[in-house]
Amino acid sequence: SASNCSPKPRQLLLISGKRKSGKDHVTSRILAAAAERNFPAACVRQPLKAEYARLHKLDADRLADSTEYKEAFRADMIAWGERLRAADPGCFCRLAVQMAQPPADGLWVVSDVRRPTDIQYFLSAYPGRVHLLRLRASDETRTRRGWAFVPGVDDAESECALDSWERWDSELDNSGGECDSMSMVSVLSGASVQSTRARRRSRLTGLGRNFLQLPSDSQNS
């Protein structure tokens, strides 16, 4: 867990989702919304790829993107990460925060949690500050984004360990287009005020202004 003297977030958003569900895109839009309101925020990325590249003398930048270069090493990288997690389940979570050096009392977005042990680490380290968001997208949508089922990857623990997790604070279907994405960011950032009836219908009520604690547009003017 985090030590008492370590910086802590005001809010910590953990995002989970399958490959090509749009985790990076959603993260970037949330951070942009925070920046527009001068709210300190940072992405805390799991450092598995960076560490794997360093130890195996690979190109870290190419390993971090969505090219065939990454896919060539994905299976071995997953197996390597599983061995380290078996010995220390919180190793990559701690390293992620250390490497990101996110701002104290800001919004931290962990863009890709994959296992119950990831969630449990952050819940234990930062009690009362965590919100769990599950992104979903149809297989048809993911295929349009370049996804194809890969045995040993898409059926591995790294992709499936949270499939049965039910304690999400919010769930979002990210199968839509840019308009849906803009609406999602608007709700997440508190930029729009929903009616009482809409709030009751929304599955994202918990991620409104009270979560991010961002000023509204009227407060900013």
Protein backbone atom coordinates (compact mmCIF):
# COMPACT_ATOMS: atom_id res chain seq x y z
CA SER A 1 0.00 0.00 0.00
CA ALA A 2 0.99 3.66 -0.36
CA SER A 3 2.97 5.13 2.53
CA ASN A 4 1.56 8.01 4.55
CA CYS A 5 4.09 10.44 3.07
CA SER A 6 3.45 9.43 -0.55
CA PRO A 7 1.30 11.74 -2.72
CA LYS A 8 -2.32 10.69 -2.96
CA PRO A 9 -4.99 11.50 -5.55
CA ARG A 10 -8.14 13.40 -4.86
CA GLN A 11 -9.86 10.93 -7.16
CA LEU A 12 -8.57 7.72 -8.75
CA LEU A 13 -10.33 6.37 -11.83
CA LEU A 14 -9.55 2.76 -12.74
CA ILE A 15 -10.52 1.81 -16.30
CA SER A 16 -10.94 -1.79 -17.44
CA GLY A 17 -11.87 -3.13 -20.85
CA LYS A 18 -11.04 -5.61 -23.59
CA ARG A 19 -8.56 -4.95 -26.37
CA LYS A 20 -9.86 -2.25 -28.76
CA SER A 21 -12.63 -1.23 -26.37
CA GLY A 22 -11.23 2.30 -26.46
CA LYS A 23 -9.41 2.60 -23.13
CA ASP A 24 -6.67 4.93 -24.38
CA HIS A 25 -9.13 7.12 -26.28
CA VAL A 26 -11.44 7.48 -23.28
CA THR A 27 -8.47 8.23 -21.03
CA SER A 28 -7.17 10.95 -23.34
CA ARG A 29 -10.59 12.62 -23.53
CA ILE A 30 -11.01 12.58 -19.75
CA LEU A 31 -7.56 14.13 -19.27
CA ALA A 32 -8.33 16.76 -21.91
CA ALA A 33 -11.58 17.66 -20.14
CA ALA A 34 -9.68 18.04 -16.87
CA ALA A 35 -7.01 20.20 -18.53
CA GLU A 36 -9.65 22.52 -20.00
CA ARG A 37 -10.78 23.21 -16.44
CA ASN A 38 -7.24 23.58 -15.06
CA PHE A 39 -7.73 20.50 -12.89
CA PRO A 40 -4.47 18.59 -12.21
CA ALA A 41 -4.66 15.14 -13.76
CA ALA A 42 -2.36 12.40 -15.01
CA CYS A 43 -2.50 8.99 -16.63
CA VAL A 44 -0.95 6.18 -14.60
CA ARG A 45 -0.08 3.47 -17.12
CA GLN A 46 0.85 -0.06 -16.22
CA PRO A 47 4.62 -0.23 -16.91
CA LEU A 48 4.75 -3.86 -18.04
CA LYS A 49 5.62 -2.98 -21.65
CA ALA A 50 8.30 -0.47 -20.66
CA GLU A 51 9.93 -2.90 -18.25
CA TYR A 52 9.73 -5.76 -20.72
CA ALA A 53 11.34 -3.60 -23.41
CA ARG A 54 14.11 -2.47 -21.07
CA LEU A 55 14.97 -5.98 -19.92
CA HIS A 56 14.77 -7.49 -23.42
CA LYS A 57 16.44 -4.55 -25.20
CA LEU A 58 13.42 -3.81 -27.41
CA ASP A 59 11.99 -0.57 -28.80
CA ALA A 60 9.76 0.65 -25.98
CA ASP A 61 7.87 3.15 -28.14
CA ARG A 62 6.98 0.58 -30.79
CA LEU A 63 6.04 -1.91 -28.09
CA ALA A 64 3.63 0.63 -26.60
CA ASP A 65 1.65 1.31 -29.76
CA SER A 66 -0.78 -0.93 -31.66
CA THR A 67 1.50 -2.17 -34.43
CA GLU A 68 2.46 -5.69 -35.44
CA TYR A 69 5.73 -5.15 -33.53
CA LYS A 70 3.84 -5.34 -30.24
CA GLU A 71 1.76 -8.29 -31.36
CA ALA A 72 4.92 -10.27 -32.14
CA PHE A 73 5.99 -10.08 -28.49
CA ARG A 74 2.59 -9.97 -26.79
CA ALA A 75 2.30 -13.65 -25.76
CA ASP A 76 5.81 -13.83 -24.27
CA MET A 77 5.33 -10.44 -22.58
CA ILE A 78 2.11 -11.66 -20.96
CA ALA A 79 3.79 -14.83 -19.68
CA TRP A 80 6.69 -12.80 -18.29
CA GLY A 81 4.31 -10.44 -16.50
CA GLU A 82 2.36 -13.34 -15.01
CA ARG A 83 5.52 -14.77 -13.48
CA LEU A 84 6.33 -11.46 -11.79
CA ARG A 85 2.76 -10.98 -10.55
CA ALA A 86 2.72 -14.51 -9.12
CA ALA A 87 5.62 -13.50 -6.87
CA ASP A 88 4.31 -9.98 -6.10
CA PRO A 89 0.73 -9.16 -7.21
CA GLY A 90 1.13 -5.41 -6.64
CA CYS A 91 4.52 -4.99 -8.32
CA PHE A 92 3.33 -3.27 -11.50
CA CYS A 93 0.78 -1.11 -9.67
CA ARG A 94 3.44 0.34 -7.36
CA LEU A 95 5.86 0.84 -10.24
CA ALA A 96 3.16 2.54 -12.32
CA VAL A 97 2.63 5.24 -9.70
CA GLN A 98 6.37 5.68 -9.13
CA MET A 99 7.02 6.14 -12.85
CA ALA A 100 4.07 8.45 -13.52
CA GLN A 101 4.70 10.77 -10.54
CA PRO A 102 1.09 12.02 -10.74
CA PRO A 103 0.08 15.29 -9.02
CA ALA A 104 -0.94 15.15 -5.40
CA ASP A 105 -4.63 15.87 -4.80
CA GLY A 106 -5.40 15.56 -8.52
CA LEU A 107 -7.23 13.12 -10.76
CA TRP A 108 -5.28 9.95 -11.48
CA VAL A 109 -6.50 7.75 -14.32
CA VAL A 110 -5.22 4.18 -14.42
CA SER A 111 -5.99 3.40 -18.03
CA ASP A 112 -5.83 -0.40 -18.08
CA VAL A 113 -6.48 -2.47 -14.97
CA ARG A 114 -6.62 -6.15 -15.81
CA ARG A 115 -6.87 -8.23 -12.64
CA PRO A 116 -8.71 -8.31 -9.30
CA THR A 117 -5.32 -7.92 -7.63
CA ASP A 118 -4.82 -4.59 -9.49
CA ILE A 119 -8.14 -3.29 -8.18
CA GLN A 120 -7.53 -4.61 -4.69
CA TYR A 121 -4.12 -2.92 -4.56
CA PHE A 122 -5.53 0.52 -5.40
CA LEU A 123 -8.56 0.10 -3.13
CA SER A 124 -6.21 -0.74 -0.27
CA ALA A 125 -3.65 1.97 -1.07
CA TYR A 126 -6.18 4.78 -1.67
CA PRO A 127 -9.38 3.95 0.26
CA GLY A 128 -12.39 6.13 -0.45
CA ARG A 129 -10.82 7.69 -3.56
CA VAL A 130 -11.36 4.97 -6.20
CA HIS A 131 -13.99 4.73 -8.95
CA LEU A 132 -14.14 1.61 -11.13
CA LEU A 133 -15.18 2.04 -14.77
CA ARG A 134 -15.71 -0.91 -17.12
CA LEU A 135 -15.62 -0.13 -20.83
CA ARG A 136 -17.46 -2.42 -23.20
CA ALA A 137 -17.59 -2.56 -26.98
CA SER A 138 -19.19 -5.07 -29.32
CA ASP A 139 -16.98 -7.55 -31.15
CA GLU A 140 -18.15 -5.94 -34.40
CA THR A 141 -16.93 -2.54 -33.22
CA ARG A 142 -13.65 -3.93 -31.94
CA THR A 143 -13.10 -5.70 -35.27
CA ARG A 144 -13.59 -2.40 -37.11
CA ARG A 145 -10.90 -0.96 -34.84
CA GLY A 146 -8.46 -3.70 -35.84
CA TRP A 147 -9.15 -6.42 -33.29
CA ALA A 148 -8.98 -10.11 -34.20
CA PHE A 149 -9.14 -13.00 -31.74
CA VAL A 150 -5.68 -14.34 -30.91
CA PRO A 151 -5.50 -17.65 -29.01
CA GLY A 152 -3.31 -17.35 -25.94
CA VAL A 153 -3.96 -13.60 -25.78
CA ASP A 154 -7.71 -12.96 -25.88
CA ASP A 155 -8.47 -16.02 -23.77
CA ALA A 156 -5.60 -15.41 -21.31
CA GLU A 157 -5.93 -14.10 -17.77
CA SER A 158 -4.61 -10.70 -18.86
CA GLU A 159 -7.78 -10.24 -20.94
CA CYS A 160 -10.32 -12.30 -19.00
CA ALA A 161 -9.49 -12.01 -15.29
CA LEU A 162 -12.08 -9.24 -14.73
CA ASP A 163 -14.85 -10.71 -16.89
CA SER A 164 -16.65 -12.01 -13.81
CA TRP A 165 -15.98 -8.92 -11.66
CA GLU A 166 -19.34 -7.37 -10.78
CA ARG A 167 -18.49 -4.50 -8.44
CA TRP A 168 -18.09 -1.78 -11.08
CA ASP A 169 -19.10 1.72 -10.06
CA SER A 170 -19.95 2.51 -13.70
CA GLU A 171 -20.16 0.62 -16.98
CA LEU A 172 -20.01 2.27 -20.39
CA ASP A 173 -20.80 0.85 -23.83
CA ASN A 174 -18.15 2.45 -26.03
CA SER A 175 -19.36 0.93 -29.30
CA GLY A 176 -20.61 4.25 -30.65
CA GLY A 177 -18.94 6.90 -32.73
CA GLU A 178 -17.43 10.29 -31.96
CA CYS A 179 -20.77 11.76 -30.91
CA ASP A 180 -21.20 9.07 -28.27
CA SER A 181 -17.61 9.60 -27.16
CA MET A 182 -18.20 13.33 -26.75
CA SER A 183 -21.34 12.66 -24.71
CA MET A 184 -19.41 10.24 -22.53
CA VAL A 185 -16.67 12.76 -21.83
CA SER A 186 -19.23 15.43 -21.11
CA VAL A 187 -20.82 13.25 -18.45
CA LEU A 188 -17.50 12.12 -16.99
CA SER A 189 -16.16 15.66 -16.72
CA GLY A 190 -19.35 17.16 -15.37
CA ALA A 191 -19.47 19.56 -18.31
CA SER A 192 -23.17 18.92 -18.91
CA VAL A 193 -25.96 18.97 -16.37
CA GLN A 194 -28.38 16.11 -16.81
CA SER A 195 -32.00 16.30 -15.80
CA THR A 196 -33.09 14.40 -12.72
CA ARG A 197 -34.84 11.85 -14.92
CA ALA A 198 -31.76 11.44 -17.13
CA ARG A 199 -29.54 10.99 -14.08
CA ARG A 200 -31.77 8.21 -12.85
CA ARG A 201 -31.47 6.48 -16.24
CA SER A 202 -27.73 7.05 -16.61
CA ARG A 203 -25.28 4.31 -15.68
CA LEU A 204 -22.64 7.01 -15.32
CA THR A 205 -24.28 9.03 -12.54
CA GLY A 206 -21.37 8.24 -10.20
CA LEU A 207 -18.92 9.79 -12.65
CA GLY A 208 -20.52 13.22 -12.75
CA ARG A 209 -19.25 16.46 -11.28
CA ASN A 210 -19.12 15.07 -7.74
CA PHE A 211 -16.60 12.45 -8.83
CA LEU A 212 -14.16 14.59 -10.78
CA GLN A 213 -14.93 17.67 -8.66
CA LEU A 214 -14.39 19.87 -11.71
CA PRO A 215 -16.02 23.29 -11.88
CA SER A 216 -18.89 23.61 -14.34
CA ASP A 217 -18.60 25.88 -17.38
CA SER A 218 -20.67 28.53 -15.62
CA GLN A 219 -18.36 28.45 -12.61
CA ASN A 220 -15.38 28.79 -14.92
CA SER A 221 -16.67 31.84 -16.79
